[in-house]
Amino acid sequence: MVTLPATCSLVLGTAQLGFPYGIANAKGQPDQKTVTDIIQKAWDNGIREFDTAQDYGASEKVLGIAFAKIGILEEAGVISKINPELDHCNLLTMSKALDESQKKLGVPCLSGLMLHKEDMLCQWSNGLGDILRGFVAAGKVKKIGVSVYSPEKALEALRMEGTDMIQIPSNILDRRFERAKVFQVAAEKKKQVYIRSVFLQGLILMDSKDLPAHMSFAGPVLDKIKSLSRDMSLTRHELALGYLKERFPEAKLIIGVETPEQVIENVMSWKRKTAVDLIPLVSKYFDQVDEKILNPSLWSIK
């Protein structure tokens, strides 16, 4: 077994455990036994944090069952997000939603509660900030933050009083947040950055020949990833994780899996020693990437 320290920078993303998720998802939503095996494998390999949301289908429920089965309800660190359709400025609504999440998860306290959409930041001074800080004061949540999509909102969230963390998309193709100095500001403000879309919903791990017809526009970029991976003698997992590990050592990386074997694959890739020229080569290969590739919400556009 590959063992990582309990302070490991890898976080298990659990959208895939609650519903079929990602363009490269070939297995669909795993059953409860598989979910429990995934959580057990992650825990055995030093992963101590789990990212979920009320909007991730059955994710919170299956996580809670797995935590109880393994016996880690008191130890597991869980970050969740309340349904974005709810009135976030209504204390009763928010309290009920948080209680429902904690009941499903079975944990006594969330390690983090994030706003699911960056647009909710505009409600912060209308009572939302006070509600979230109240959850922290009551011992229901340890830290609060927001999941954002744009560098502008990331910087806004980092500069707000009362936020502890942000979640952003970043990978070998998407360096918008890097260019906007989001990581630098986070370090200055002593706030934690969680990176999602490490594999861009699995697109980075795909071969161009396996793309669905409406995604053929991503083919040339995938061919470049394949070429760089070959030239550096790294798998695509190792390339994607290695770049972020070396470039942003203080950040935490959210990885999603569908099987226990993929947990091990990611852990092994994380442990792989990377070449000193990895960062400049990735920057050279993928200096400018079309937003249509970087933004999954645009993938359905033919």
C-alpha atoms as a PDB file:
ATOM      1  CA  MET A   1       0.000   0.000   0.000  1.00  0.00           C
ATOM      2  CA  VAL A   2       1.203   3.492  -0.864  1.00  0.00           C
ATOM      3  CA  THR A   3       0.955   5.618   2.269  1.00  0.00           C
ATOM      4  CA  LEU A   4       0.504   9.370   2.284  1.00  0.00           C
ATOM      5  CA  PRO A   5       0.685  11.564   5.391  1.00  0.00           C
ATOM      6  CA  ALA A   6      -2.623  12.551   6.967  1.00  0.00           C
ATOM      7  CA  THR A   7      -1.915  16.137   5.873  1.00  0.00           C
ATOM      8  CA  CYS A   8      -1.958  15.041   2.233  1.00  0.00           C
ATOM      9  CA  SER A   9      -2.857  17.729  -0.289  1.00  0.00           C
ATOM     10  CA  LEU A  10      -5.170  15.386  -2.183  1.00  0.00           C
ATOM     11  CA  VAL A  11      -8.905  15.757  -1.541  1.00  0.00           C
ATOM     12  CA  LEU A  12     -11.421  13.226  -2.826  1.00  0.00           C
ATOM     13  CA  GLY A  13     -14.115  14.876  -4.922  1.00  0.00           C
ATOM     14  CA  THR A  14     -17.376  12.952  -4.716  1.00  0.00           C
ATOM     15  CA  ALA A  15     -19.618  14.245  -7.497  1.00  0.00           C
ATOM     16  CA  GLN A  16     -18.967  10.947  -9.328  1.00  0.00           C
ATOM     17  CA  LEU A  17     -20.240   9.035  -6.309  1.00  0.00           C
ATOM     18  CA  GLY A  18     -23.626  10.755  -6.330  1.00  0.00           C
ATOM     19  CA  PHE A  19     -24.517  10.710 -10.026  1.00  0.00           C
ATOM     20  CA  PRO A  20     -22.883   9.965 -13.417  1.00  0.00           C
ATOM     21  CA  TYR A  21     -20.398  12.816 -13.874  1.00  0.00           C
ATOM     22  CA  GLY A  22     -17.743  13.806 -16.391  1.00  0.00           C
ATOM     23  CA  ILE A  23     -17.200  13.326 -20.106  1.00  0.00           C
ATOM     24  CA  ALA A  24     -14.818  10.387 -19.513  1.00  0.00           C
ATOM     25  CA  ASN A  25     -17.121   8.575 -17.082  1.00  0.00           C
ATOM     26  CA  ALA A  26     -17.526   5.089 -18.559  1.00  0.00           C
ATOM     27  CA  LYS A  27     -19.024   3.306 -15.548  1.00  0.00           C
ATOM     28  CA  GLY A  28     -21.789   5.611 -14.379  1.00  0.00           C
ATOM     29  CA  GLN A  29     -22.686   6.079 -10.717  1.00  0.00           C
ATOM     30  CA  PRO A  30     -21.011   3.420  -8.515  1.00  0.00           C
ATOM     31  CA  ASP A  31     -23.056   1.294  -6.112  1.00  0.00           C
ATOM     32  CA  GLN A  32     -22.753   1.665  -2.334  1.00  0.00           C
ATOM     33  CA  LYS A  33     -20.214  -1.152  -1.942  1.00  0.00           C
ATOM     34  CA  THR A  34     -17.953   0.455  -4.542  1.00  0.00           C
ATOM     35  CA  VAL A  35     -18.337   3.859  -2.870  1.00  0.00           C
ATOM     36  CA  THR A  36     -17.356   2.369   0.493  1.00  0.00           C
ATOM     37  CA  ASP A  37     -14.376   0.621  -1.093  1.00  0.00           C
ATOM     38  CA  ILE A  38     -13.315   3.918  -2.694  1.00  0.00           C
ATOM     39  CA  ILE A  39     -13.513   5.796   0.611  1.00  0.00           C
ATOM     40  CA  GLN A  40     -11.650   2.996   2.400  1.00  0.00           C
ATOM     41  CA  LYS A  41      -8.894   3.019  -0.207  1.00  0.00           C
ATOM     42  CA  ALA A  42      -8.606   6.804  -0.040  1.00  0.00           C
ATOM     43  CA  TRP A  43      -8.460   6.745   3.760  1.00  0.00           C
ATOM     44  CA  ASP A  44      -5.863   3.965   3.806  1.00  0.00           C
ATOM     45  CA  ASN A  45      -3.698   6.083   1.535  1.00  0.00           C
ATOM     46  CA  GLY A  46      -3.747   9.228   3.623  1.00  0.00           C
ATOM     47  CA  ILE A  47      -6.613  11.182   2.053  1.00  0.00           C
ATOM     48  CA  ARG A  48      -8.480  12.868   4.880  1.00  0.00           C
ATOM     49  CA  GLU A  49     -10.754  15.401   3.148  1.00  0.00           C
ATOM     50  CA  PHE A  50     -13.825  14.851   0.991  1.00  0.00           C
ATOM     51  CA  ASP A  51     -15.554  17.447  -1.191  1.00  0.00           C
ATOM     52  CA  THR A  52     -19.294  17.107  -1.769  1.00  0.00           C
ATOM     53  CA  ALA A  53     -22.494  19.143  -2.205  1.00  0.00           C
ATOM     54  CA  GLN A  54     -26.241  18.867  -1.786  1.00  0.00           C
ATOM     55  CA  ASP A  55     -26.426  19.289  -5.551  1.00  0.00           C
ATOM     56  CA  TYR A  56     -24.328  16.149  -6.182  1.00  0.00           C
ATOM     57  CA  GLY A  57     -27.238  13.723  -6.227  1.00  0.00           C
ATOM     58  CA  ALA A  58     -26.852  11.012  -3.567  1.00  0.00           C
ATOM     59  CA  SER A  59     -23.260  11.961  -2.746  1.00  0.00           C
ATOM     60  CA  GLU A  60     -23.810  13.073   0.867  1.00  0.00           C
ATOM     61  CA  LYS A  61     -25.947  10.033   1.651  1.00  0.00           C
ATOM     62  CA  VAL A  62     -23.553   7.422   0.236  1.00  0.00           C
ATOM     63  CA  LEU A  63     -20.607   9.178   1.885  1.00  0.00           C
ATOM     64  CA  GLY A  64     -22.318   9.037   5.275  1.00  0.00           C
ATOM     65  CA  ILE A  65     -23.001   5.321   4.899  1.00  0.00           C
ATOM     66  CA  ALA A  66     -19.366   4.714   3.912  1.00  0.00           C
ATOM     67  CA  PHE A  67     -17.985   6.789   6.802  1.00  0.00           C
ATOM     68  CA  ALA A  68     -20.121   4.845   9.278  1.00  0.00           C
ATOM     69  CA  LYS A  69     -19.130   1.490   7.800  1.00  0.00           C
ATOM     70  CA  ILE A  70     -15.421   2.332   7.948  1.00  0.00           C
ATOM     71  CA  GLY A  71     -15.705   3.995  11.358  1.00  0.00           C
ATOM     72  CA  ILE A  72     -14.374   7.453  10.493  1.00  0.00           C
ATOM     73  CA  LEU A  73     -17.376   9.687  11.216  1.00  0.00           C
ATOM     74  CA  GLU A  74     -15.448  11.617  13.874  1.00  0.00           C
ATOM     75  CA  GLU A  75     -12.284  11.988  11.803  1.00  0.00           C
ATOM     76  CA  ALA A  76     -13.332  12.568   8.192  1.00  0.00           C
ATOM     77  CA  GLY A  77     -13.033  16.154   7.001  1.00  0.00           C
ATOM     78  CA  VAL A  78     -15.983  17.080   4.787  1.00  0.00           C
ATOM     79  CA  ILE A  79     -16.549  20.203   2.722  1.00  0.00           C
ATOM     80  CA  SER A  80     -20.088  20.580   1.412  1.00  0.00           C
ATOM     81  CA  LYS A  81     -22.202  23.171  -0.381  1.00  0.00           C
ATOM     82  CA  ILE A  82     -25.857  23.993   0.226  1.00  0.00           C
ATOM     83  CA  ASN A  83     -28.309  23.728  -2.673  1.00  0.00           C
ATOM     84  CA  PRO A  84     -27.795  26.947  -4.683  1.00  0.00           C
ATOM     85  CA  GLU A  85     -31.546  27.201  -5.384  1.00  0.00           C
ATOM     86  CA  LEU A  86     -32.335  27.852  -1.707  1.00  0.00           C
ATOM     87  CA  ASP A  87     -32.689  31.328  -0.194  1.00  0.00           C
ATOM     88  CA  HIS A  88     -29.242  31.819   1.311  1.00  0.00           C
ATOM     89  CA  CYS A  89     -30.272  34.903   3.251  1.00  0.00           C
ATOM     90  CA  ASN A  90     -32.962  33.039   5.175  1.00  0.00           C
ATOM     91  CA  LEU A  91     -31.512  31.749   8.443  1.00  0.00           C
ATOM     92  CA  LEU A  92     -34.201  29.111   8.976  1.00  0.00           C
ATOM     93  CA  THR A  93     -33.823  27.750   5.428  1.00  0.00           C
ATOM     94  CA  MET A  94     -30.025  27.633   5.672  1.00  0.00           C
ATOM     95  CA  SER A  95     -30.039  26.056   9.141  1.00  0.00           C
ATOM     96  CA  LYS A  96     -32.439  23.347   7.990  1.00  0.00           C
ATOM     97  CA  ALA A  97     -30.346  22.645   4.899  1.00  0.00           C
ATOM     98  CA  LEU A  98     -27.131  22.412   6.927  1.00  0.00           C
ATOM     99  CA  ASP A  99     -28.787  20.080   9.438  1.00  0.00           C
ATOM    100  CA  GLU A 100     -29.935  17.848   6.561  1.00  0.00           C
ATOM    101  CA  SER A 101     -26.395  17.632   5.200  1.00  0.00           C
ATOM    102  CA  GLN A 102     -24.929  16.787   8.597  1.00  0.00           C
ATOM    103  CA  LYS A 103     -27.617  14.149   9.157  1.00  0.00           C
ATOM    104  CA  LYS A 104     -26.873  12.460   5.827  1.00  0.00           C
ATOM    105  CA  LEU A 105     -23.121  12.651   6.307  1.00  0.00           C
ATOM    106  CA  GLY A 106     -23.270  11.640   9.964  1.00  0.00           C
ATOM    107  CA  VAL A 107     -20.422  13.985  10.865  1.00  0.00           C
ATOM    108  CA  PRO A 108     -20.598  16.186  13.986  1.00  0.00           C
ATOM    109  CA  CYS A 109     -19.109  19.190  12.211  1.00  0.00           C
ATOM    110  CA  LEU A 110     -18.290  20.120   8.618  1.00  0.00           C
ATOM    111  CA  SER A 111     -14.660  21.036   8.053  1.00  0.00           C
ATOM    112  CA  GLY A 112     -15.907  23.501   5.482  1.00  0.00           C
ATOM    113  CA  LEU A 113     -19.074  24.997   3.991  1.00  0.00           C
ATOM    114  CA  MET A 114     -18.796  26.687   0.604  1.00  0.00           C
ATOM    115  CA  LEU A 115     -21.178  28.756  -1.448  1.00  0.00           C
ATOM    116  CA  HIS A 116     -21.831  26.692  -4.565  1.00  0.00           C
ATOM    117  CA  LYS A 117     -21.966  29.628  -6.970  1.00  0.00           C
ATOM    118  CA  GLU A 118     -19.889  32.780  -7.154  1.00  0.00           C
ATOM    119  CA  ASP A 119     -22.979  34.915  -7.842  1.00  0.00           C
ATOM    120  CA  MET A 120     -23.979  34.366  -4.202  1.00  0.00           C
ATOM    121  CA  LEU A 121     -21.159  36.659  -3.090  1.00  0.00           C
ATOM    122  CA  CYS A 122     -23.419  39.635  -3.817  1.00  0.00           C
ATOM    123  CA  GLN A 123     -25.635  38.469  -0.932  1.00  0.00           C
ATOM    124  CA  TRP A 124     -22.790  38.421   1.577  1.00  0.00           C
ATOM    125  CA  SER A 125     -23.556  41.821   3.089  1.00  0.00           C
ATOM    126  CA  ASN A 126     -27.321  41.166   2.989  1.00  0.00           C
ATOM    127  CA  GLY A 127     -27.169  38.696   5.842  1.00  0.00           C
ATOM    128  CA  LEU A 128     -25.468  35.714   4.214  1.00  0.00           C
ATOM    129  CA  GLY A 129     -22.094  36.467   5.776  1.00  0.00           C
ATOM    130  CA  ASP A 130     -23.649  36.719   9.234  1.00  0.00           C
ATOM    131  CA  ILE A 131     -25.498  33.414   8.767  1.00  0.00           C
ATOM    132  CA  LEU A 132     -22.339  31.553   7.747  1.00  0.00           C
ATOM    133  CA  ARG A 133     -20.292  33.072  10.557  1.00  0.00           C
ATOM    134  CA  GLY A 134     -23.073  32.027  12.927  1.00  0.00           C
ATOM    135  CA  PHE A 135     -22.655  28.404  11.816  1.00  0.00           C
ATOM    136  CA  VAL A 136     -18.971  28.636  12.668  1.00  0.00           C
ATOM    137  CA  ALA A 137     -19.698  30.192  16.068  1.00  0.00           C
ATOM    138  CA  ALA A 138     -22.201  27.413  16.781  1.00  0.00           C
ATOM    139  CA  GLY A 139     -19.585  24.747  16.081  1.00  0.00           C
ATOM    140  CA  LYS A 140     -21.420  23.311  13.072  1.00  0.00           C
ATOM    141  CA  VAL A 141     -18.800  24.406  10.548  1.00  0.00           C
ATOM    142  CA  LYS A 142     -15.081  25.062  10.909  1.00  0.00           C
ATOM    143  CA  LYS A 143     -14.416  27.185   7.828  1.00  0.00           C
ATOM    144  CA  ILE A 144     -16.417  28.948   5.133  1.00  0.00           C
ATOM    145  CA  GLY A 145     -15.671  29.819   1.548  1.00  0.00           C
ATOM    146  CA  VAL A 146     -16.959  29.879  -2.014  1.00  0.00           C
ATOM    147  CA  SER A 147     -16.602  27.872  -5.200  1.00  0.00           C
ATOM    148  CA  VAL A 148     -15.890  30.271  -8.063  1.00  0.00           C
ATOM    149  CA  TYR A 149     -15.561  30.120 -11.833  1.00  0.00           C
ATOM    150  CA  SER A 150     -13.799  33.378 -12.656  1.00  0.00           C
ATOM    151  CA  PRO A 151     -10.533  34.921 -11.465  1.00  0.00           C
ATOM    152  CA  GLU A 152     -12.349  38.167 -10.709  1.00  0.00           C
ATOM    153  CA  LYS A 153     -14.717  36.492  -8.244  1.00  0.00           C
ATOM    154  CA  ALA A 154     -11.855  34.501  -6.750  1.00  0.00           C
ATOM    155  CA  LEU A 155     -10.016  37.716  -5.921  1.00  0.00           C
ATOM    156  CA  GLU A 156     -13.215  39.282  -4.572  1.00  0.00           C
ATOM    157  CA  ALA A 157     -13.804  36.306  -2.287  1.00  0.00           C
ATOM    158  CA  LEU A 158     -10.220  36.278  -1.044  1.00  0.00           C
ATOM    159  CA  ARG A 159     -10.381  39.962  -0.117  1.00  0.00           C
ATOM    160  CA  MET A 160     -13.653  39.644   1.798  1.00  0.00           C
ATOM    161  CA  GLU A 161     -13.650  39.519   5.576  1.00  0.00           C
ATOM    162  CA  GLY A 162     -14.893  36.218   6.935  1.00  0.00           C
ATOM    163  CA  THR A 163     -13.904  33.863   4.115  1.00  0.00           C
ATOM    164  CA  ASP A 164     -11.315  31.169   4.806  1.00  0.00           C
ATOM    165  CA  MET A 165     -10.997  29.403   1.468  1.00  0.00           C
ATOM    166  CA  ILE A 166     -11.919  29.313  -2.199  1.00  0.00           C
ATOM    167  CA  GLN A 167     -12.367  26.540  -4.736  1.00  0.00           C
ATOM    168  CA  ILE A 168     -11.279  27.204  -8.319  1.00  0.00           C
ATOM    169  CA  PRO A 169     -10.832  25.308 -11.591  1.00  0.00           C
ATOM    170  CA  SER A 170      -7.230  24.945 -12.722  1.00  0.00           C
ATOM    171  CA  ASN A 171      -5.199  22.433 -14.709  1.00  0.00           C
ATOM    172  CA  ILE A 172      -2.436  22.145 -17.295  1.00  0.00           C
ATOM    173  CA  LEU A 173      -4.705  23.826 -19.865  1.00  0.00           C
ATOM    174  CA  ASP A 174      -6.359  26.452 -17.676  1.00  0.00           C
ATOM    175  CA  ARG A 175      -4.012  28.966 -16.085  1.00  0.00           C
ATOM    176  CA  ARG A 176      -6.350  31.998 -15.910  1.00  0.00           C
ATOM    177  CA  PHE A 177      -6.206  32.083 -12.099  1.00  0.00           C
ATOM    178  CA  GLU A 178      -2.440  31.812 -12.143  1.00  0.00           C
ATOM    179  CA  ARG A 179      -2.145  34.807 -14.470  1.00  0.00           C
ATOM    180  CA  ALA A 180      -4.566  36.818 -12.325  1.00  0.00           C
ATOM    181  CA  LYS A 181      -2.304  36.224  -9.278  1.00  0.00           C
ATOM    182  CA  VAL A 182      -5.083  34.449  -7.365  1.00  0.00           C
ATOM    183  CA  PHE A 183      -2.609  32.090  -5.686  1.00  0.00           C
ATOM    184  CA  GLN A 184      -0.381  35.001  -4.694  1.00  0.00           C
ATOM    185  CA  VAL A 185      -3.279  36.908  -3.102  1.00  0.00           C
ATOM    186  CA  ALA A 186      -4.433  33.750  -1.295  1.00  0.00           C
ATOM    187  CA  ALA A 187      -0.966  33.373   0.217  1.00  0.00           C
ATOM    188  CA  GLU A 188      -0.926  37.018   1.285  1.00  0.00           C
ATOM    189  CA  LYS A 189      -4.369  36.673   2.892  1.00  0.00           C
ATOM    190  CA  LYS A 190      -3.440  33.284   4.412  1.00  0.00           C
ATOM    191  CA  LYS A 191      -6.468  31.626   2.822  1.00  0.00           C
ATOM    192  CA  GLN A 192      -6.641  28.095   1.452  1.00  0.00           C
ATOM    193  CA  VAL A 193      -7.066  27.347  -2.250  1.00  0.00           C
ATOM    194  CA  TYR A 194      -8.761  24.134  -3.381  1.00  0.00           C
ATOM    195  CA  ILE A 195      -8.247  23.255  -7.037  1.00  0.00           C
ATOM    196  CA  ARG A 196     -10.974  21.372  -8.888  1.00  0.00           C
ATOM    197  CA  SER A 197     -11.173  20.325 -12.561  1.00  0.00           C
ATOM    198  CA  VAL A 198      -7.650  18.930 -12.259  1.00  0.00           C
ATOM    199  CA  PHE A 199      -8.452  16.614 -15.183  1.00  0.00           C
ATOM    200  CA  LEU A 200     -11.107  18.935 -16.682  1.00  0.00           C
ATOM    201  CA  GLN A 201     -13.924  16.434 -16.012  1.00  0.00           C
ATOM    202  CA  GLY A 202     -11.697  13.687 -17.429  1.00  0.00           C
ATOM    203  CA  LEU A 203     -11.109  15.381 -20.795  1.00  0.00           C
ATOM    204  CA  ILE A 204      -7.353  15.695 -20.180  1.00  0.00           C
ATOM    205  CA  LEU A 205      -7.111  11.917 -19.723  1.00  0.00           C
ATOM    206  CA  MET A 206      -8.901  11.091 -22.990  1.00  0.00           C
ATOM    207  CA  ASP A 207      -7.477  10.188 -26.384  1.00  0.00           C
ATOM    208  CA  SER A 208      -8.681  12.360 -29.268  1.00  0.00           C
ATOM    209  CA  LYS A 209     -10.027   9.317 -31.122  1.00  0.00           C
ATOM    210  CA  ASP A 210     -12.413   8.615 -28.239  1.00  0.00           C
ATOM    211  CA  LEU A 211     -14.038  12.042 -28.267  1.00  0.00           C
ATOM    212  CA  PRO A 212     -17.747  12.266 -29.077  1.00  0.00           C
ATOM    213  CA  ALA A 213     -18.427  13.973 -32.408  1.00  0.00           C
ATOM    214  CA  HIS A 214     -19.546  17.277 -30.886  1.00  0.00           C
ATOM    215  CA  MET A 215     -16.253  17.489 -28.937  1.00  0.00           C
ATOM    216  CA  SER A 216     -13.945  17.034 -31.923  1.00  0.00           C
ATOM    217  CA  PHE A 217     -12.731  20.628 -31.469  1.00  0.00           C
ATOM    218  CA  ALA A 218     -10.715  19.411 -28.444  1.00  0.00           C
ATOM    219  CA  GLY A 219      -8.808  16.849 -30.520  1.00  0.00           C
ATOM    220  CA  PRO A 220      -5.702  18.960 -31.345  1.00  0.00           C
ATOM    221  CA  VAL A 221      -5.181  19.880 -27.679  1.00  0.00           C
ATOM    222  CA  LEU A 222      -5.504  16.251 -26.570  1.00  0.00           C
ATOM    223  CA  ASP A 223      -2.938  15.276 -29.188  1.00  0.00           C
ATOM    224  CA  LYS A 224      -0.547  17.869 -27.739  1.00  0.00           C
ATOM    225  CA  ILE A 225      -1.100  16.447 -24.235  1.00  0.00           C
ATOM    226  CA  LYS A 226      -0.341  12.987 -25.579  1.00  0.00           C
ATOM    227  CA  SER A 227       2.834  14.257 -27.244  1.00  0.00           C
ATOM    228  CA  LEU A 228       4.093  16.059 -24.139  1.00  0.00           C
ATOM    229  CA  SER A 229       3.254  13.069 -21.965  1.00  0.00           C
ATOM    230  CA  ARG A 230       5.252  10.804 -24.253  1.00  0.00           C
ATOM    231  CA  ASP A 231       8.216  13.188 -24.476  1.00  0.00           C
ATOM    232  CA  MET A 232       8.426  13.475 -20.679  1.00  0.00           C
ATOM    233  CA  SER A 233       7.810   9.768 -20.026  1.00  0.00           C
ATOM    234  CA  LEU A 234       4.843  10.624 -17.815  1.00  0.00           C
ATOM    235  CA  THR A 235       1.295   9.324 -17.869  1.00  0.00           C
ATOM    236  CA  ARG A 236      -1.414  11.926 -18.332  1.00  0.00           C
ATOM    237  CA  HIS A 237      -2.312  11.513 -14.654  1.00  0.00           C
ATOM    238  CA  GLU A 238       1.306  12.191 -13.682  1.00  0.00           C
ATOM    239  CA  LEU A 239       1.516  15.163 -16.034  1.00  0.00           C
ATOM    240  CA  ALA A 240      -1.681  16.782 -14.764  1.00  0.00           C
ATOM    241  CA  LEU A 241      -1.063  16.185 -11.057  1.00  0.00           C
ATOM    242  CA  GLY A 242       2.677  16.819 -11.240  1.00  0.00           C
ATOM    243  CA  TYR A 243       2.254  20.255 -12.781  1.00  0.00           C
ATOM    244  CA  LEU A 244      -0.191  21.458 -10.133  1.00  0.00           C
ATOM    245  CA  LYS A 245       1.812  19.887  -7.299  1.00  0.00           C
ATOM    246  CA  GLU A 246       4.989  21.675  -8.376  1.00  0.00           C
ATOM    247  CA  ARG A 247       3.395  24.951  -9.436  1.00  0.00           C
ATOM    248  CA  PHE A 248       1.071  25.436  -6.439  1.00  0.00           C
ATOM    249  CA  PRO A 249       2.507  23.483  -3.488  1.00  0.00           C
ATOM    250  CA  GLU A 250       0.247  25.217  -0.939  1.00  0.00           C
ATOM    251  CA  ALA A 251      -2.985  24.359  -2.773  1.00  0.00           C
ATOM    252  CA  LYS A 252      -5.143  21.282  -2.220  1.00  0.00           C
ATOM    253  CA  LEU A 253      -6.149  19.228  -5.246  1.00  0.00           C
ATOM    254  CA  ILE A 254      -9.605  17.712  -5.615  1.00  0.00           C
ATOM    255  CA  ILE A 255      -9.571  14.457  -7.554  1.00  0.00           C
ATOM    256  CA  GLY A 256     -12.603  12.472  -8.677  1.00  0.00           C
ATOM    257  CA  VAL A 257     -12.656   8.705  -9.173  1.00  0.00           C
ATOM    258  CA  GLU A 258     -15.129   5.988 -10.142  1.00  0.00           C
ATOM    259  CA  THR A 259     -13.281   2.938  -8.793  1.00  0.00           C
ATOM    260  CA  PRO A 260     -10.918   2.008  -5.918  1.00  0.00           C
ATOM    261  CA  GLU A 261      -8.228   1.292  -8.504  1.00  0.00           C
ATOM    262  CA  GLN A 262      -8.377   4.880  -9.704  1.00  0.00           C
ATOM    263  CA  VAL A 263      -7.652   6.050  -6.157  1.00  0.00           C
ATOM    264  CA  ILE A 264      -4.374   4.120  -6.245  1.00  0.00           C
ATOM    265  CA  GLU A 265      -3.596   5.380  -9.743  1.00  0.00           C
ATOM    266  CA  ASN A 266      -3.950   8.966  -8.556  1.00  0.00           C
ATOM    267  CA  VAL A 267      -1.919   8.385  -5.402  1.00  0.00           C
ATOM    268  CA  MET A 268       0.892   6.770  -7.385  1.00  0.00           C
ATOM    269  CA  SER A 269       0.812   9.627  -9.903  1.00  0.00           C
ATOM    270  CA  TRP A 270       0.950  12.161  -7.075  1.00  0.00           C
ATOM    271  CA  LYS A 271       4.000  10.458  -5.601  1.00  0.00           C
ATOM    272  CA  ARG A 272       5.860  10.332  -8.925  1.00  0.00           C
ATOM    273  CA  LYS A 273       8.901  12.576  -9.065  1.00  0.00           C
ATOM    274  CA  THR A 274       8.501  15.173 -11.799  1.00  0.00           C
ATOM    275  CA  ALA A 275      11.119  16.695 -14.093  1.00  0.00           C
ATOM    276  CA  VAL A 276      12.480  20.145 -13.314  1.00  0.00           C
ATOM    277  CA  ASP A 277      11.362  21.463 -16.703  1.00  0.00           C
ATOM    278  CA  LEU A 278       7.737  20.370 -16.306  1.00  0.00           C
ATOM    279  CA  ILE A 279       6.364  23.825 -15.470  1.00  0.00           C
ATOM    280  CA  PRO A 280       8.010  25.713 -18.370  1.00  0.00           C
ATOM    281  CA  LEU A 281       7.136  22.966 -20.851  1.00  0.00           C
ATOM    282  CA  VAL A 282       3.463  22.945 -19.868  1.00  0.00           C
ATOM    283  CA  SER A 283       3.419  26.736 -20.107  1.00  0.00           C
ATOM    284  CA  LYS A 284       4.964  26.559 -23.573  1.00  0.00           C
ATOM    285  CA  TYR A 285       2.687  23.813 -24.914  1.00  0.00           C
ATOM    286  CA  PHE A 286      -0.532  25.322 -23.585  1.00  0.00           C
ATOM    287  CA  ASP A 287       0.078  29.052 -23.523  1.00  0.00           C
ATOM    288  CA  GLN A 288      -3.339  29.973 -24.920  1.00  0.00           C
ATOM    289  CA  VAL A 289      -6.254  27.514 -24.914  1.00  0.00           C
ATOM    290  CA  ASP A 290      -9.701  28.305 -26.311  1.00  0.00           C
ATOM    291  CA  GLU A 291     -12.330  28.940 -23.633  1.00  0.00           C
ATOM    292  CA  LYS A 292     -14.613  26.465 -25.394  1.00  0.00           C
ATOM    293  CA  ILE A 293     -12.242  23.749 -24.191  1.00  0.00           C
ATOM    294  CA  LEU A 294     -11.724  25.188 -20.696  1.00  0.00           C
ATOM    295  CA  ASN A 295     -15.425  25.725 -19.919  1.00  0.00           C
ATOM    296  CA  PRO A 296     -17.509  22.501 -19.754  1.00  0.00           C
ATOM    297  CA  SER A 297     -20.722  24.514 -19.926  1.00  0.00           C
ATOM    298  CA  LEU A 298     -19.824  25.255 -23.556  1.00  0.00           C
ATOM    299  CA  TRP A 299     -19.237  21.641 -24.561  1.00  0.00           C
ATOM    300  CA  SER A 300     -22.850  21.002 -25.511  1.00  0.00           C
ATOM    301  CA  ILE A 301     -22.706  23.760 -28.108  1.00  0.00           C
ATOM    302  CA  LYS A 302     -22.358  22.119 -31.517  1.00  0.00           C
END
